[in-house]
Every structure is written in structure tokens, then in C-alpha cells.
Amino acid sequence: MKKILATLTNVLLLGGIVMAKEVATEIKVRGMTCGSCVVSVKKALSQTKGVKNADVSLEKAEATVVYDDAQVNQQQLRDAIKKAGFEAELKETK
């Protein structure tokens, strides 16, 4: 019985990994005024579990983030930016 339960658990865990996907999002970042701000935002995002890549642009005032949606969500990304001392909101799409 224990072996069957362990096998079932492994199947469910692997199924969760298969269902996870990488997602890209753009987040408007307000309050950045220099290169150090960019580094702070990028560091905050990069240290967030599930973030695969984070690019931050001072000129565009935004961050482009690629993340694993099974480990982190957009609200957590915005919270990480806010914790670093900046305002964050999802970029509106047209």
C-alpha cells in the first residue's frame, strides 16, 4: 500500500511540473530614477522563487519578467517590486 501511495504521489508531483508553464509579463515600474534603481528592481525580481529572467528598463519604466506560473504569480512579482521601494502595476495591453 505504501508503494502504491508513493507512486501516486510521484505521478501527481510530475503532473504538476508538466502543467507548469513559463509566462512572460510586463510590469510598469514607477519611482526609478537611475541605474541603481534598475539594479534594485532586477535583483528583487531575480531573487523571487520561480523567476527565470527579469529585464528592467529605466527608459520604458518597466520590467519584463519570465516566470514559472506554478511557483509565482503576477501579484507576488509586483509585491517584490514594492518591497524594493517602487510602485508596480501590470502594463495595460491594447
C-alpha atoms as a PDB file:
ATOM      1  CA  MET A   1       0.000   0.000   0.000  1.00  0.00           C
ATOM      2  CA  LYS A   2       2.834   2.402   0.842  1.00  0.00           C
ATOM      3  CA  LYS A   3       4.463   1.722  -2.520  1.00  0.00           C
ATOM      4  CA  ILE A   4       1.227   2.487  -4.374  1.00  0.00           C
ATOM      5  CA  LEU A   5       0.768   5.693  -2.393  1.00  0.00           C
ATOM      6  CA  ALA A   6       4.359   6.761  -3.100  1.00  0.00           C
ATOM      7  CA  THR A   7       3.913   6.059  -6.804  1.00  0.00           C
ATOM      8  CA  LEU A   8       0.670   8.018  -6.899  1.00  0.00           C
ATOM      9  CA  THR A   9       2.319  10.940  -5.121  1.00  0.00           C
ATOM     10  CA  ASN A  10       5.174  10.951  -7.631  1.00  0.00           C
ATOM     11  CA  VAL A  11       2.740  10.898 -10.558  1.00  0.00           C
ATOM     12  CA  LEU A  12       0.835  13.838  -9.115  1.00  0.00           C
ATOM     13  CA  LEU A  13       4.031  15.808  -8.495  1.00  0.00           C
ATOM     14  CA  LEU A  14       5.291  15.150 -12.004  1.00  0.00           C
ATOM     15  CA  GLY A  15       1.894  16.102 -13.391  1.00  0.00           C
ATOM     16  CA  GLY A  16       2.186  19.442 -11.610  1.00  0.00           C
ATOM     17  CA  ILE A  17       5.560  20.031 -13.192  1.00  0.00           C
ATOM     18  CA  VAL A  18       4.174  19.263 -16.626  1.00  0.00           C
ATOM     19  CA  MET A  19       1.242  21.624 -16.061  1.00  0.00           C
ATOM     20  CA  ALA A  20       3.514  24.493 -15.019  1.00  0.00           C
ATOM     21  CA  LYS A  21       4.490  26.827 -17.785  1.00  0.00           C
ATOM     22  CA  GLU A  22       6.745  29.769 -18.333  1.00  0.00           C
ATOM     23  CA  VAL A  23       4.858  33.010 -18.675  1.00  0.00           C
ATOM     24  CA  ALA A  24       6.114  36.452 -19.679  1.00  0.00           C
ATOM     25  CA  THR A  25       4.603  39.651 -18.334  1.00  0.00           C
ATOM     26  CA  GLU A  26       5.360  43.347 -18.433  1.00  0.00           C
ATOM     27  CA  ILE A  27       5.075  45.385 -15.261  1.00  0.00           C
ATOM     28  CA  LYS A  28       5.114  49.188 -15.145  1.00  0.00           C
ATOM     29  CA  VAL A  29       7.562  50.370 -12.505  1.00  0.00           C
ATOM     30  CA  ARG A  30       7.295  53.880 -11.089  1.00  0.00           C
ATOM     31  CA  GLY A  31       9.879  55.631  -8.973  1.00  0.00           C
ATOM     32  CA  MET A  32      13.056  54.535 -10.762  1.00  0.00           C
ATOM     33  CA  THR A  33      15.399  57.464 -11.354  1.00  0.00           C
ATOM     34  CA  CYS A  34      18.809  55.896 -12.050  1.00  0.00           C
ATOM     35  CA  GLY A  35      20.771  52.781 -12.836  1.00  0.00           C
ATOM     36  CA  SER A  36      20.891  51.779  -9.179  1.00  0.00           C
ATOM     37  CA  CYS A  37      17.097  51.690  -9.137  1.00  0.00           C
ATOM     38  CA  VAL A  38      17.144  49.368 -12.140  1.00  0.00           C
ATOM     39  CA  VAL A  39      19.599  47.078 -10.353  1.00  0.00           C
ATOM     40  CA  SER A  40      17.417  47.051  -7.222  1.00  0.00           C
ATOM     41  CA  VAL A  41      14.268  46.108  -9.144  1.00  0.00           C
ATOM     42  CA  LYS A  42      16.080  43.450 -11.178  1.00  0.00           C
ATOM     43  CA  LYS A  43      17.608  41.971  -8.023  1.00  0.00           C
ATOM     44  CA  ALA A  44      14.252  41.895  -6.218  1.00  0.00           C
ATOM     45  CA  LEU A  45      12.639  40.095  -9.133  1.00  0.00           C
ATOM     46  CA  SER A  46      15.543  37.717  -9.776  1.00  0.00           C
ATOM     47  CA  GLN A  47      15.549  36.621  -6.134  1.00  0.00           C
ATOM     48  CA  THR A  48      11.850  35.739  -6.298  1.00  0.00           C
ATOM     49  CA  LYS A  49      11.336  31.980  -6.466  1.00  0.00           C
ATOM     50  CA  GLY A  50      10.103  30.951  -9.897  1.00  0.00           C
ATOM     51  CA  VAL A  51      11.518  33.909 -11.828  1.00  0.00           C
ATOM     52  CA  LYS A  52      13.516  32.680 -14.813  1.00  0.00           C
ATOM     53  CA  ASN A  53      14.547  36.058 -16.238  1.00  0.00           C
ATOM     54  CA  ALA A  54      13.973  39.716 -15.427  1.00  0.00           C
ATOM     55  CA  ASP A  55      14.858  42.669 -17.642  1.00  0.00           C
ATOM     56  CA  VAL A  56      14.306  46.171 -16.333  1.00  0.00           C
ATOM     57  CA  SER A  57      14.296  49.344 -18.423  1.00  0.00           C
ATOM     58  CA  LEU A  58      14.695  52.781 -16.875  1.00  0.00           C
ATOM     59  CA  GLU A  59      13.734  54.471 -20.152  1.00  0.00           C
ATOM     60  CA  LYS A  60      10.496  52.496 -20.545  1.00  0.00           C
ATOM     61  CA  ALA A  61       9.854  52.425 -16.779  1.00  0.00           C
ATOM     62  CA  GLU A  62       9.009  48.736 -16.942  1.00  0.00           C
ATOM     63  CA  ALA A  63      10.151  45.245 -16.131  1.00  0.00           C
ATOM     64  CA  THR A  64       9.729  42.265 -18.420  1.00  0.00           C
ATOM     65  CA  VAL A  65       9.640  39.075 -16.388  1.00  0.00           C
ATOM     66  CA  VAL A  66       9.639  35.429 -17.459  1.00  0.00           C
ATOM     67  CA  TYR A  67       8.469  33.169 -14.651  1.00  0.00           C
ATOM     68  CA  ASP A  68       7.123  29.733 -13.780  1.00  0.00           C
ATOM     69  CA  ASP A  69       3.437  30.229 -13.058  1.00  0.00           C
ATOM     70  CA  ALA A  70       3.391  27.204 -10.750  1.00  0.00           C
ATOM     71  CA  GLN A  71       5.841  28.907  -8.383  1.00  0.00           C
ATOM     72  CA  VAL A  72       4.964  32.591  -8.529  1.00  0.00           C
ATOM     73  CA  ASN A  73       2.168  34.826  -9.765  1.00  0.00           C
ATOM     74  CA  GLN A  74       1.924  38.384 -11.033  1.00  0.00           C
ATOM     75  CA  GLN A  75       0.833  39.769  -7.677  1.00  0.00           C
ATOM     76  CA  GLN A  76       3.915  38.291  -5.999  1.00  0.00           C
ATOM     77  CA  LEU A  77       6.104  39.900  -8.671  1.00  0.00           C
ATOM     78  CA  ARG A  78       4.515  43.291  -8.030  1.00  0.00           C
ATOM     79  CA  ASP A  79       4.909  42.751  -4.284  1.00  0.00           C
ATOM     80  CA  ALA A  80       8.642  42.072  -4.749  1.00  0.00           C
ATOM     81  CA  ILE A  81       9.000  45.350  -6.647  1.00  0.00           C
ATOM     82  CA  LYS A  82       7.036  47.216  -3.976  1.00  0.00           C
ATOM     83  CA  LYS A  83       9.190  45.670  -1.245  1.00  0.00           C
ATOM     84  CA  ALA A  84      12.241  47.068  -3.074  1.00  0.00           C
ATOM     85  CA  GLY A  85      10.698  50.536  -2.716  1.00  0.00           C
ATOM     86  CA  PHE A  86       8.999  51.128  -6.063  1.00  0.00           C
ATOM     87  CA  GLU A  87       5.440  51.217  -7.380  1.00  0.00           C
ATOM     88  CA  ALA A  88       4.354  48.405  -9.683  1.00  0.00           C
ATOM     89  CA  GLU A  89       1.330  47.710 -11.833  1.00  0.00           C
ATOM     90  CA  LEU A  90       0.625  45.458 -14.785  1.00  0.00           C
ATOM     91  CA  LYS A  91       1.177  47.137 -18.106  1.00  0.00           C
ATOM     92  CA  GLU A  92      -2.076  47.711 -19.960  1.00  0.00           C
ATOM     93  CA  THR A  93      -2.360  45.884 -23.255  1.00  0.00           C
ATOM     94  CA  LYS A  94      -4.172  47.375 -26.221  1.00  0.00           C
END
